[in-house]
Amino acid sequence: MNTDASKLSEVLPHVERLPHTRLTLRVRRFFNALADAVSWIWLLLVAVVVVNVTMRYLFGEGRVEFEEIQWHLYAIGFLLGMSACLDSDDHIRVDVFHDRMPLRTRAWIELYGLLLLFFPFVLMVLWFTVPFVQYSFSIAEVSDAPAGLPFRWAIKGVLLLSMLLLLVAGVSRLLRVSCFLFGAPRAAVAEEDHVG
């Protein structure tokens, strides 16, 4: 166990972690890199908002393109960030109950939550998103607003990409929970100190 993890357990003694496999460590590295890349979108979003507000209130000239790019940047950041949050277990939950439960109980709840709620939801969204994006691409959909942004299919494609990434993150969580609850071959389990 690395020093960061031991420091965390000193400050928060109730925090216990699920074991990683070699595959889940690779997935974690990928999502850490994705989260680092997506975090720059928020800075870009703030810059676009500042420019838009400045143009509107100082120069009396609002731009539809800036308003739409704000929505698109927010959607990209949120949709791509979901999978990184799920993989690192930084998503919102009811911590009042969750933190008081033993790790084994939390793992069983997560297993059933993944199998009965998460995967059916993601698969259903994927089922409806594929034709949604295909149709948008086939008609070369653009914004309905005058002077709006072109390539509306691209932002809809981010929804498809985010659901695929969410599926990968969910499989990674399922592997970790299964490894904890049902055991795994010794060679498949990796040390957590490789995780960022």
N, C-alpha and C. Protein backbone atom coordinates (compact mmCIF):
# COMPACT_ATOMS: atom_id res chain seq x y z
N MET A 1 0.84 -1.17 0.00
CA MET A 1 0.00 0.00 0.00
C MET A 1 0.89 1.24 0.00
N ASN A 2 0.57 2.23 -0.83
CA ASN A 2 1.44 3.40 -0.89
C ASN A 2 1.16 4.36 0.25
N THR A 3 1.99 5.40 0.36
CA THR A 3 1.85 6.33 1.47
C THR A 3 0.59 7.16 1.38
N ASP A 4 0.15 7.50 0.14
CA ASP A 4 -1.08 8.28 0.00
C ASP A 4 -2.27 7.50 0.51
N ALA A 5 -2.33 6.22 0.18
CA ALA A 5 -3.45 5.38 0.63
C ALA A 5 -3.40 5.21 2.14
N SER A 6 -2.21 5.06 2.73
CA SER A 6 -2.12 4.91 4.18
C SER A 6 -2.48 6.21 4.88
N LYS A 7 -2.11 7.37 4.29
CA LYS A 7 -2.51 8.66 4.86
C LYS A 7 -4.02 8.81 4.81
N LEU A 8 -4.63 8.37 3.71
CA LEU A 8 -6.08 8.46 3.58
C LEU A 8 -6.75 7.61 4.65
N SER A 9 -6.23 6.41 4.90
CA SER A 9 -6.85 5.55 5.89
C SER A 9 -6.65 6.08 7.31
N GLU A 10 -5.58 6.88 7.54
CA GLU A 10 -5.40 7.50 8.85
C GLU A 10 -6.44 8.59 9.07
N VAL A 11 -6.68 9.41 8.05
CA VAL A 11 -7.62 10.51 8.16
C VAL A 11 -9.06 10.01 8.14
N LEU A 12 -9.33 9.07 7.26
CA LEU A 12 -10.66 8.49 7.12
C LEU A 12 -10.57 6.99 7.35
N PRO A 13 -10.59 6.55 8.62
CA PRO A 13 -10.39 5.13 8.89
C PRO A 13 -11.48 4.24 8.31
N HIS A 14 -12.66 4.80 8.01
CA HIS A 14 -13.75 3.99 7.47
C HIS A 14 -13.60 3.73 5.97
N VAL A 15 -12.67 4.42 5.31
CA VAL A 15 -12.50 4.25 3.87
C VAL A 15 -11.73 2.96 3.59
N GLU A 16 -12.38 2.06 2.90
CA GLU A 16 -11.74 0.82 2.48
C GLU A 16 -11.88 0.76 0.97
N ARG A 17 -10.92 0.16 0.33
CA ARG A 17 -10.93 0.13 -1.13
C ARG A 17 -11.10 -1.28 -1.66
N LEU A 18 -11.72 -1.32 -2.83
CA LEU A 18 -11.84 -2.60 -3.53
C LEU A 18 -10.52 -2.92 -4.20
N PRO A 19 -10.19 -4.20 -4.33
CA PRO A 19 -8.93 -4.56 -5.00
C PRO A 19 -9.00 -4.27 -6.50
N HIS A 20 -7.85 -4.07 -7.08
CA HIS A 20 -7.74 -3.86 -8.53
C HIS A 20 -7.18 -5.12 -9.19
N THR A 21 -7.52 -5.30 -10.43
CA THR A 21 -6.85 -6.30 -11.26
C THR A 21 -5.97 -5.53 -12.24
N ARG A 22 -5.16 -6.25 -12.97
CA ARG A 22 -4.31 -5.57 -13.96
C ARG A 22 -5.16 -4.79 -14.97
N LEU A 23 -6.27 -5.39 -15.38
CA LEU A 23 -7.15 -4.73 -16.34
C LEU A 23 -7.78 -3.47 -15.75
N THR A 24 -8.27 -3.56 -14.52
CA THR A 24 -8.90 -2.38 -13.92
C THR A 24 -7.88 -1.27 -13.66
N LEU A 25 -6.63 -1.63 -13.42
CA LEU A 25 -5.60 -0.59 -13.28
C LEU A 25 -5.38 0.13 -14.61
N ARG A 26 -5.39 -0.61 -15.70
CA ARG A 26 -5.25 0.03 -17.03
C ARG A 26 -6.44 0.95 -17.31
N VAL A 27 -7.62 0.46 -16.97
CA VAL A 27 -8.83 1.27 -17.15
C VAL A 27 -8.73 2.53 -16.30
N ARG A 28 -8.25 2.39 -15.06
CA ARG A 28 -8.12 3.54 -14.16
C ARG A 28 -7.15 4.56 -14.74
N ARG A 29 -6.02 4.10 -15.29
CA ARG A 29 -5.06 5.03 -15.90
C ARG A 29 -5.69 5.77 -17.07
N PHE A 30 -6.45 5.04 -17.89
CA PHE A 30 -7.12 5.68 -19.03
C PHE A 30 -8.10 6.76 -18.55
N PHE A 31 -8.91 6.42 -17.55
CA PHE A 31 -9.89 7.40 -17.07
C PHE A 31 -9.24 8.57 -16.33
N ASN A 32 -8.11 8.33 -15.68
CA ASN A 32 -7.37 9.45 -15.08
C ASN A 32 -6.89 10.40 -16.16
N ALA A 33 -6.36 9.85 -17.25
CA ALA A 33 -5.91 10.69 -18.37
C ALA A 33 -7.09 11.42 -19.01
N LEU A 34 -8.21 10.72 -19.16
CA LEU A 34 -9.41 11.36 -19.71
C LEU A 34 -9.87 12.50 -18.82
N ALA A 35 -9.90 12.27 -17.52
CA ALA A 35 -10.33 13.32 -16.59
C ALA A 35 -9.40 14.53 -16.66
N ASP A 36 -8.10 14.29 -16.77
CA ASP A 36 -7.15 15.40 -16.90
C ASP A 36 -7.41 16.20 -18.18
N ALA A 37 -7.69 15.50 -19.27
CA ALA A 37 -7.95 16.18 -20.55
C ALA A 37 -9.26 16.94 -20.50
N VAL A 38 -10.29 16.31 -19.95
CA VAL A 38 -11.61 16.94 -19.91
C VAL A 38 -11.63 18.14 -18.96
N SER A 39 -10.77 18.13 -17.96
CA SER A 39 -10.76 19.25 -17.01
C SER A 39 -10.43 20.58 -17.69
N TRP A 40 -9.72 20.53 -18.81
CA TRP A 40 -9.42 21.77 -19.55
C TRP A 40 -10.66 22.35 -20.21
N ILE A 41 -11.66 21.54 -20.44
CA ILE A 41 -12.91 22.03 -21.03
C ILE A 41 -13.56 23.06 -20.12
N TRP A 42 -13.44 22.87 -18.81
CA TRP A 42 -14.08 23.81 -17.88
C TRP A 42 -13.42 25.19 -17.97
N LEU A 43 -12.11 25.21 -18.15
CA LEU A 43 -11.43 26.50 -18.31
C LEU A 43 -11.87 27.17 -19.61
N LEU A 44 -11.98 26.40 -20.67
CA LEU A 44 -12.46 26.92 -21.95
C LEU A 44 -13.90 27.42 -21.82
N LEU A 45 -14.73 26.68 -21.09
CA LEU A 45 -16.11 27.09 -20.88
C LEU A 45 -16.18 28.43 -20.16
N VAL A 46 -15.38 28.61 -19.12
CA VAL A 46 -15.36 29.88 -18.40
C VAL A 46 -14.94 31.01 -19.33
N ALA A 47 -13.95 30.77 -20.16
CA ALA A 47 -13.49 31.81 -21.10
C ALA A 47 -14.60 32.19 -22.07
N VAL A 48 -15.32 31.20 -22.59
CA VAL A 48 -16.42 31.48 -23.53
C VAL A 48 -17.52 32.27 -22.83
N VAL A 49 -17.85 31.92 -21.61
CA VAL A 49 -18.88 32.63 -20.86
C VAL A 49 -18.47 34.08 -20.64
N VAL A 50 -17.21 34.29 -20.25
CA VAL A 50 -16.72 35.66 -20.01
C VAL A 50 -16.78 36.48 -21.30
N VAL A 51 -16.35 35.90 -22.40
CA VAL A 51 -16.39 36.62 -23.69
C VAL A 51 -17.83 36.94 -24.07
N ASN A 52 -18.72 35.97 -23.91
CA ASN A 52 -20.12 36.17 -24.26
C ASN A 52 -20.77 37.26 -23.41
N VAL A 53 -20.54 37.22 -22.12
CA VAL A 53 -21.11 38.24 -21.22
C VAL A 53 -20.53 39.60 -21.53
N THR A 54 -19.23 39.66 -21.78
CA THR A 54 -18.58 40.93 -22.11
C THR A 54 -19.16 41.51 -23.40
N MET A 55 -19.30 40.68 -24.41
CA MET A 55 -19.86 41.16 -25.68
C MET A 55 -21.30 41.63 -25.51
N ARG A 56 -22.08 40.91 -24.71
CA ARG A 56 -23.49 41.25 -24.56
C ARG A 56 -23.68 42.54 -23.76
N TYR A 57 -22.98 42.67 -22.62
CA TYR A 57 -23.26 43.80 -21.75
C TYR A 57 -22.38 45.01 -21.99
N LEU A 58 -21.21 44.83 -22.54
CA LEU A 58 -20.37 46.01 -22.83
C LEU A 58 -20.57 46.52 -24.25
N PHE A 59 -20.82 45.58 -25.18
CA PHE A 59 -20.94 46.00 -26.57
C PHE A 59 -22.35 45.83 -27.13
N GLY A 60 -23.26 45.31 -26.33
CA GLY A 60 -24.64 45.16 -26.76
C GLY A 60 -24.82 44.18 -27.90
N GLU A 61 -23.95 43.20 -28.01
CA GLU A 61 -24.00 42.25 -29.12
C GLU A 61 -23.89 40.81 -28.60
N GLY A 62 -25.05 40.15 -28.48
CA GLY A 62 -25.05 38.75 -28.08
C GLY A 62 -24.84 37.85 -29.28
N ARG A 63 -24.20 36.73 -29.07
CA ARG A 63 -23.91 35.80 -30.17
C ARG A 63 -24.50 34.43 -29.86
N VAL A 64 -25.31 33.94 -30.76
CA VAL A 64 -25.92 32.62 -30.61
C VAL A 64 -24.84 31.54 -30.56
N GLU A 65 -23.80 31.70 -31.36
CA GLU A 65 -22.74 30.69 -31.41
C GLU A 65 -22.09 30.50 -30.04
N PHE A 66 -21.88 31.62 -29.32
CA PHE A 66 -21.25 31.51 -28.01
C PHE A 66 -22.18 30.81 -27.01
N GLU A 67 -23.48 31.10 -27.11
CA GLU A 67 -24.42 30.43 -26.21
C GLU A 67 -24.45 28.93 -26.49
N GLU A 68 -24.46 28.56 -27.76
CA GLU A 68 -24.50 27.13 -28.09
C GLU A 68 -23.20 26.42 -27.73
N ILE A 69 -22.08 27.07 -27.93
CA ILE A 69 -20.81 26.43 -27.59
C ILE A 69 -20.71 26.23 -26.07
N GLN A 70 -21.33 27.14 -25.30
CA GLN A 70 -21.37 26.95 -23.85
C GLN A 70 -22.10 25.65 -23.51
N TRP A 71 -23.26 25.46 -24.12
CA TRP A 71 -24.04 24.24 -23.84
C TRP A 71 -23.25 23.01 -24.27
N HIS A 72 -22.60 23.10 -25.41
CA HIS A 72 -21.85 21.95 -25.92
C HIS A 72 -20.66 21.62 -25.02
N LEU A 73 -19.92 22.64 -24.59
CA LEU A 73 -18.77 22.40 -23.71
C LEU A 73 -19.22 21.80 -22.38
N TYR A 74 -20.30 22.33 -21.84
CA TYR A 74 -20.81 21.80 -20.58
C TYR A 74 -21.23 20.34 -20.77
N ALA A 75 -21.92 20.04 -21.86
CA ALA A 75 -22.36 18.67 -22.13
C ALA A 75 -21.15 17.73 -22.28
N ILE A 76 -20.13 18.17 -23.01
CA ILE A 76 -18.95 17.34 -23.20
C ILE A 76 -18.27 17.07 -21.86
N GLY A 77 -18.07 18.11 -21.07
CA GLY A 77 -17.41 17.93 -19.77
C GLY A 77 -18.19 17.01 -18.86
N PHE A 78 -19.49 17.20 -18.79
CA PHE A 78 -20.32 16.38 -17.92
C PHE A 78 -20.40 14.95 -18.42
N LEU A 79 -20.70 14.77 -19.71
CA LEU A 79 -20.88 13.42 -20.24
C LEU A 79 -19.61 12.59 -20.19
N LEU A 80 -18.47 13.18 -20.53
CA LEU A 80 -17.22 12.42 -20.49
C LEU A 80 -16.70 12.26 -19.07
N GLY A 81 -17.03 13.20 -18.20
CA GLY A 81 -16.58 13.11 -16.81
C GLY A 81 -17.30 12.05 -16.00
N MET A 82 -18.52 11.69 -16.42
CA MET A 82 -19.29 10.69 -15.67
C MET A 82 -18.54 9.37 -15.53
N SER A 83 -17.95 8.92 -16.62
CA SER A 83 -17.27 7.62 -16.59
C SER A 83 -16.05 7.65 -15.68
N ALA A 84 -15.32 8.77 -15.70
CA ALA A 84 -14.16 8.89 -14.81
C ALA A 84 -14.60 8.90 -13.35
N CYS A 85 -15.72 9.56 -13.06
CA CYS A 85 -16.24 9.58 -11.68
C CYS A 85 -16.67 8.20 -11.23
N LEU A 86 -17.33 7.46 -12.12
CA LEU A 86 -17.75 6.11 -11.76
C LEU A 86 -16.54 5.22 -11.50
N ASP A 87 -15.54 5.30 -12.37
CA ASP A 87 -14.37 4.45 -12.21
C ASP A 87 -13.62 4.74 -10.92
N SER A 88 -13.49 6.01 -10.57
CA SER A 88 -12.75 6.37 -9.35
C SER A 88 -13.63 6.37 -8.11
N ASP A 89 -14.92 6.03 -8.27
CA ASP A 89 -15.88 5.99 -7.18
C ASP A 89 -16.04 7.36 -6.53
N ASP A 90 -16.01 8.42 -7.35
CA ASP A 90 -16.19 9.78 -6.86
C ASP A 90 -17.56 10.33 -7.20
N HIS A 91 -18.49 9.47 -7.51
CA HIS A 91 -19.83 9.93 -7.86
C HIS A 91 -20.65 10.15 -6.60
N ILE A 92 -21.78 10.78 -6.76
CA ILE A 92 -22.63 11.13 -5.62
C ILE A 92 -23.37 9.90 -5.13
N ARG A 93 -23.41 9.78 -3.83
CA ARG A 93 -24.19 8.71 -3.20
C ARG A 93 -24.65 9.22 -1.84
N VAL A 94 -25.50 8.48 -1.18
CA VAL A 94 -26.00 8.89 0.14
C VAL A 94 -24.97 8.41 1.17
N ASP A 95 -23.99 9.28 1.45
CA ASP A 95 -22.88 8.90 2.32
C ASP A 95 -23.29 8.67 3.77
N VAL A 96 -24.41 9.25 4.20
CA VAL A 96 -24.86 9.05 5.58
C VAL A 96 -25.04 7.56 5.86
N PHE A 97 -25.58 6.84 4.89
CA PHE A 97 -25.77 5.40 5.05
C PHE A 97 -24.55 4.62 4.56
N HIS A 98 -24.02 5.03 3.43
CA HIS A 98 -22.94 4.31 2.77
C HIS A 98 -21.70 4.20 3.65
N ASP A 99 -21.29 5.29 4.27
CA ASP A 99 -20.06 5.30 5.07
C ASP A 99 -20.16 4.45 6.33
N ARG A 100 -21.35 4.20 6.80
CA ARG A 100 -21.53 3.43 8.03
C ARG A 100 -21.59 1.92 7.79
N MET A 101 -21.63 1.54 6.54
CA MET A 101 -21.73 0.11 6.21
C MET A 101 -20.34 -0.52 6.07
N PRO A 102 -20.22 -1.79 6.40
CA PRO A 102 -18.96 -2.48 6.14
C PRO A 102 -18.72 -2.62 4.63
N LEU A 103 -17.48 -2.77 4.26
CA LEU A 103 -17.11 -2.85 2.85
C LEU A 103 -17.85 -3.98 2.14
N ARG A 104 -18.00 -5.12 2.78
CA ARG A 104 -18.67 -6.25 2.15
C ARG A 104 -20.14 -5.89 1.82
N THR A 105 -20.82 -5.24 2.71
CA THR A 105 -22.21 -4.82 2.46
C THR A 105 -22.26 -3.83 1.31
N ARG A 106 -21.35 -2.85 1.32
CA ARG A 106 -21.30 -1.87 0.23
C ARG A 106 -21.02 -2.57 -1.11
N ALA A 107 -20.16 -3.58 -1.08
CA ALA A 107 -19.83 -4.30 -2.31
C ALA A 107 -21.05 -5.06 -2.84
N TRP A 108 -21.82 -5.67 -1.95
CA TRP A 108 -23.03 -6.38 -2.40
C TRP A 108 -24.05 -5.40 -2.98
N ILE A 109 -24.21 -4.26 -2.33
CA ILE A 109 -25.14 -3.25 -2.84
C ILE A 109 -24.67 -2.76 -4.20
N GLU A 110 -23.38 -2.54 -4.34
CA GLU A 110 -22.85 -2.09 -5.64
C GLU A 110 -23.03 -3.15 -6.71
N LEU A 111 -22.80 -4.40 -6.36
CA LEU A 111 -22.99 -5.49 -7.33
C LEU A 111 -24.42 -5.50 -7.86
N TYR A 112 -25.39 -5.49 -6.94
CA TYR A 112 -26.79 -5.50 -7.37
C TYR A 112 -27.18 -4.21 -8.09
N GLY A 113 -26.65 -3.10 -7.63
CA GLY A 113 -26.92 -1.83 -8.30
C GLY A 113 -26.40 -1.80 -9.72
N LEU A 114 -25.20 -2.34 -9.91
CA LEU A 114 -24.64 -2.41 -11.27
C LEU A 114 -25.46 -3.32 -12.17
N LEU A 115 -25.77 -4.52 -11.66
CA LEU A 115 -26.45 -5.52 -12.49
C LEU A 115 -27.92 -5.19 -12.76
N LEU A 116 -28.61 -4.67 -11.75
CA LEU A 116 -30.05 -4.47 -11.89
C LEU A 116 -30.45 -3.06 -12.33
N LEU A 117 -29.60 -2.08 -12.07
CA LEU A 117 -29.95 -0.69 -12.41
C LEU A 117 -29.02 -0.08 -13.43
N PHE A 118 -27.73 -0.12 -13.16
CA PHE A 118 -26.76 0.60 -13.99
C PHE A 118 -26.68 0.04 -15.41
N PHE A 119 -26.37 -1.24 -15.55
CA PHE A 119 -26.19 -1.82 -16.89
C PHE A 119 -27.48 -1.77 -17.72
N PRO A 120 -28.65 -2.09 -17.15
CA PRO A 120 -29.87 -1.93 -17.98
C PRO A 120 -30.08 -0.49 -18.44
N PHE A 121 -29.81 0.49 -17.57
CA PHE A 121 -29.98 1.89 -17.95
C PHE A 121 -29.02 2.27 -19.09
N VAL A 122 -27.73 1.95 -18.93
CA VAL A 122 -26.75 2.31 -19.95
C VAL A 122 -27.04 1.62 -21.27
N LEU A 123 -27.41 0.35 -21.22
CA LEU A 123 -27.72 -0.38 -22.46
C LEU A 123 -28.97 0.18 -23.14
N MET A 124 -29.96 0.58 -22.35
CA MET A 124 -31.16 1.18 -22.92
C MET A 124 -30.82 2.53 -23.60
N VAL A 125 -30.02 3.35 -22.92
CA VAL A 125 -29.62 4.64 -23.52
C VAL A 125 -28.83 4.39 -24.80
N LEU A 126 -27.91 3.42 -24.79
CA LEU A 126 -27.16 3.09 -26.00
C LEU A 126 -28.10 2.64 -27.13
N TRP A 127 -29.08 1.83 -26.79
CA TRP A 127 -30.02 1.31 -27.77
C TRP A 127 -30.73 2.45 -28.51
N PHE A 128 -31.12 3.48 -27.78
CA PHE A 128 -31.83 4.60 -28.39
C PHE A 128 -30.89 5.67 -28.95
N THR A 129 -29.66 5.71 -28.46
CA THR A 129 -28.73 6.75 -28.91
C THR A 129 -28.16 6.45 -30.29
N VAL A 130 -27.92 5.20 -30.60
CA VAL A 130 -27.32 4.85 -31.89
C VAL A 130 -28.16 5.37 -33.07
N PRO A 131 -29.47 5.05 -33.14
CA PRO A 131 -30.24 5.60 -34.27
C PRO A 131 -30.39 7.12 -34.21
N PHE A 132 -30.42 7.67 -33.00
CA PHE A 132 -30.50 9.11 -32.80
C PHE A 132 -29.30 9.81 -33.45
N VAL A 133 -28.10 9.29 -33.22
CA VAL A 133 -26.88 9.87 -33.79
C VAL A 133 -26.80 9.56 -35.29
N GLN A 134 -27.17 8.34 -35.67
CA GLN A 134 -27.14 7.99 -37.10
C GLN A 134 -28.04 8.91 -37.92
N TYR A 135 -29.23 9.16 -37.45
CA TYR A 135 -30.15 10.02 -38.17
C TYR A 135 -29.60 11.45 -38.26
N SER A 136 -29.09 11.94 -37.16
CA SER A 136 -28.52 13.29 -37.15
C SER A 136 -27.38 13.41 -38.14
N PHE A 137 -26.53 12.39 -38.21
CA PHE A 137 -25.41 12.39 -39.15
C PHE A 137 -25.90 12.29 -40.59
N SER A 138 -26.91 11.45 -40.82
CA SER A 138 -27.38 11.22 -42.19
C SER A 138 -28.00 12.47 -42.81
N ILE A 139 -28.59 13.34 -41.98
CA ILE A 139 -29.19 14.57 -42.53
C ILE A 139 -28.26 15.77 -42.36
N ALA A 140 -27.02 15.51 -41.87
CA ALA A 140 -26.05 16.60 -41.61
C ALA A 140 -26.70 17.70 -40.78
N GLU A 141 -27.29 17.29 -39.66
CA GLU A 141 -28.05 18.20 -38.81
C GLU A 141 -27.22 19.38 -38.33
N VAL A 142 -27.84 20.53 -38.35
CA VAL A 142 -27.23 21.76 -37.84
C VAL A 142 -28.19 22.38 -36.84
N SER A 143 -27.75 23.42 -36.17
CA SER A 143 -28.58 24.12 -35.20
C SER A 143 -29.79 24.75 -35.89
N ASP A 144 -30.93 24.77 -35.19
CA ASP A 144 -32.14 25.42 -35.70
C ASP A 144 -32.04 26.93 -35.60
N ALA A 145 -31.17 27.41 -34.72
CA ALA A 145 -31.06 28.85 -34.51
C ALA A 145 -30.33 29.51 -35.67
N PRO A 146 -30.77 30.70 -36.05
CA PRO A 146 -30.02 31.43 -37.09
C PRO A 146 -28.61 31.71 -36.56
N ALA A 147 -27.62 31.50 -37.37
CA ALA A 147 -26.21 31.68 -37.00
C ALA A 147 -25.77 30.68 -35.93
N GLY A 148 -26.51 29.58 -35.79
CA GLY A 148 -26.13 28.55 -34.83
C GLY A 148 -24.99 27.70 -35.35
N LEU A 149 -24.55 26.78 -34.53
CA LEU A 149 -23.40 25.95 -34.88
C LEU A 149 -23.78 24.82 -35.85
N PRO A 150 -22.88 24.49 -36.75
CA PRO A 150 -23.10 23.32 -37.62
C PRO A 150 -22.72 22.04 -36.86
N PHE A 151 -22.83 20.93 -37.53
CA PHE A 151 -22.39 19.62 -37.00
C PHE A 151 -23.08 19.25 -35.68
N ARG A 152 -24.38 19.39 -35.62
CA ARG A 152 -25.13 19.01 -34.43
C ARG A 152 -24.94 17.53 -34.12
N TRP A 153 -24.69 16.73 -35.16
CA TRP A 153 -24.48 15.29 -34.97
C TRP A 153 -23.24 15.02 -34.12
N ALA A 154 -22.26 15.93 -34.15
CA ALA A 154 -21.03 15.70 -33.39
C ALA A 154 -21.30 15.75 -31.89
N ILE A 155 -22.10 16.72 -31.45
CA ILE A 155 -22.39 16.80 -30.02
C ILE A 155 -23.29 15.63 -29.60
N LYS A 156 -24.16 15.19 -30.50
CA LYS A 156 -24.97 14.01 -30.20
C LYS A 156 -24.09 12.76 -30.15
N GLY A 157 -23.04 12.75 -30.95
CA GLY A 157 -22.09 11.64 -30.93
C GLY A 157 -21.36 11.53 -29.60
N VAL A 158 -21.19 12.67 -28.91
CA VAL A 158 -20.55 12.64 -27.59
C VAL A 158 -21.41 11.86 -26.61
N LEU A 159 -22.73 11.94 -26.77
CA LEU A 159 -23.62 11.14 -25.92
C LEU A 159 -23.36 9.65 -26.12
N LEU A 160 -23.23 9.25 -27.36
CA LEU A 160 -22.93 7.84 -27.66
C LEU A 160 -21.58 7.44 -27.07
N LEU A 161 -20.56 8.26 -27.30
CA LEU A 161 -19.22 7.98 -26.76
C LEU A 161 -19.25 7.90 -25.24
N SER A 162 -19.97 8.82 -24.61
CA SER A 162 -20.00 8.82 -23.14
C SER A 162 -20.68 7.57 -22.58
N MET A 163 -21.70 7.08 -23.27
CA MET A 163 -22.37 5.86 -22.80
C MET A 163 -21.46 4.65 -22.96
N LEU A 164 -20.68 4.62 -24.05
CA LEU A 164 -19.72 3.53 -24.22
C LEU A 164 -18.64 3.58 -23.14
N LEU A 165 -18.15 4.78 -22.83
CA LEU A 165 -17.16 4.92 -21.76
C LEU A 165 -17.75 4.56 -20.41
N LEU A 166 -19.00 4.93 -20.19
CA LEU A 166 -19.67 4.59 -18.94
C LEU A 166 -19.81 3.08 -18.80
N LEU A 167 -20.07 2.41 -19.92
CA LEU A 167 -20.16 0.94 -19.92
C LEU A 167 -18.80 0.33 -19.54
N VAL A 168 -17.72 0.86 -20.08
CA VAL A 168 -16.38 0.37 -19.74
C VAL A 168 -16.10 0.59 -18.25
N ALA A 169 -16.44 1.78 -17.74
CA ALA A 169 -16.22 2.07 -16.32
C ALA A 169 -17.06 1.13 -15.45
N GLY A 170 -18.28 0.85 -15.87
CA GLY A 170 -19.14 -0.06 -15.11
C GLY A 170 -18.59 -1.47 -15.09
N VAL A 171 -18.07 -1.93 -16.21
CA VAL A 171 -17.46 -3.28 -16.26
C VAL A 171 -16.25 -3.32 -15.33
N SER A 172 -15.46 -2.25 -15.33
CA SER A 172 -14.30 -2.19 -14.44
C SER A 172 -14.72 -2.26 -12.97
N ARG A 173 -15.77 -1.51 -12.61
CA ARG A 173 -16.27 -1.56 -11.23
C ARG A 173 -16.80 -2.96 -10.91
N LEU A 174 -17.50 -3.57 -11.86
CA LEU A 174 -18.03 -4.91 -11.64
C LEU A 174 -16.90 -5.91 -11.42
N LEU A 175 -15.81 -5.78 -12.18
CA LEU A 175 -14.65 -6.66 -11.98
C LEU A 175 -14.06 -6.48 -10.58
N ARG A 176 -13.96 -5.25 -10.14
CA ARG A 176 -13.38 -4.99 -8.81
C ARG A 176 -14.28 -5.54 -7.71
N VAL A 177 -15.59 -5.31 -7.83
CA VAL A 177 -16.53 -5.82 -6.83
C VAL A 177 -16.51 -7.34 -6.82
N SER A 178 -16.53 -7.95 -8.00
CA SER A 178 -16.51 -9.41 -8.10
C SER A 178 -15.23 -9.98 -7.52
N CYS A 179 -14.12 -9.32 -7.79
CA CYS A 179 -12.83 -9.77 -7.25
C CYS A 179 -12.86 -9.74 -5.72
N PHE A 180 -13.47 -8.71 -5.16
CA PHE A 180 -13.55 -8.60 -3.71
C PHE A 180 -14.50 -9.64 -3.12
N LEU A 181 -15.68 -9.78 -3.72
CA LEU A 181 -16.70 -10.66 -3.15
C LEU A 181 -16.43 -12.14 -3.39
N PHE A 182 -15.95 -12.47 -4.57
CA PHE A 182 -15.84 -13.87 -4.95
C PHE A 182 -14.40 -14.35 -5.07
N GLY A 183 -13.45 -13.44 -4.86
CA GLY A 183 -12.05 -13.80 -4.95
C GLY A 183 -11.58 -13.84 -6.39
N ALA A 184 -10.29 -13.86 -6.54
CA ALA A 184 -9.69 -13.91 -7.87
C ALA A 184 -8.37 -14.65 -7.76
N PRO A 185 -7.91 -15.18 -8.85
CA PRO A 185 -6.58 -15.80 -8.81
C PRO A 185 -5.55 -14.79 -8.33
N ARG A 186 -4.60 -15.24 -7.54
CA ARG A 186 -3.59 -14.36 -6.95
C ARG A 186 -2.87 -13.54 -8.03
N ALA A 187 -2.60 -14.12 -9.19
CA ALA A 187 -1.87 -13.43 -10.24
C ALA A 187 -2.68 -12.31 -10.85
N ALA A 188 -4.03 -12.38 -10.75
CA ALA A 188 -4.87 -11.37 -11.40
C ALA A 188 -5.00 -10.12 -10.56
N VAL A 189 -4.74 -10.23 -9.26
CA VAL A 189 -4.93 -9.08 -8.37
C VAL A 189 -3.66 -8.24 -8.35
N ALA A 190 -3.83 -6.95 -8.54
CA ALA A 190 -2.69 -6.04 -8.57
C ALA A 190 -2.70 -5.17 -7.32
N GLU A 191 -1.55 -4.62 -7.02
CA GLU A 191 -1.43 -3.72 -5.88
C GLU A 191 -2.04 -2.38 -6.19
N GLU A 192 -2.63 -1.72 -5.18
CA GLU A 192 -3.26 -0.44 -5.38
C GLU A 192 -2.28 0.71 -5.52
N ASP A 193 -1.03 0.53 -5.13
CA ASP A 193 -0.11 1.65 -5.16
C ASP A 193 0.24 2.09 -6.58
N HIS A 194 -0.23 1.37 -7.58
CA HIS A 194 -0.04 1.80 -8.97
C HIS A 194 -1.10 2.79 -9.40
N VAL A 195 -2.13 2.95 -8.59
CA VAL A 195 -3.26 3.81 -8.96
C VAL A 195 -2.96 5.24 -8.59
N GLY A 196 -3.30 6.14 -9.51
CA GLY A 196 -3.12 7.57 -9.23
C GLY A 196 -4.24 8.11 -8.44
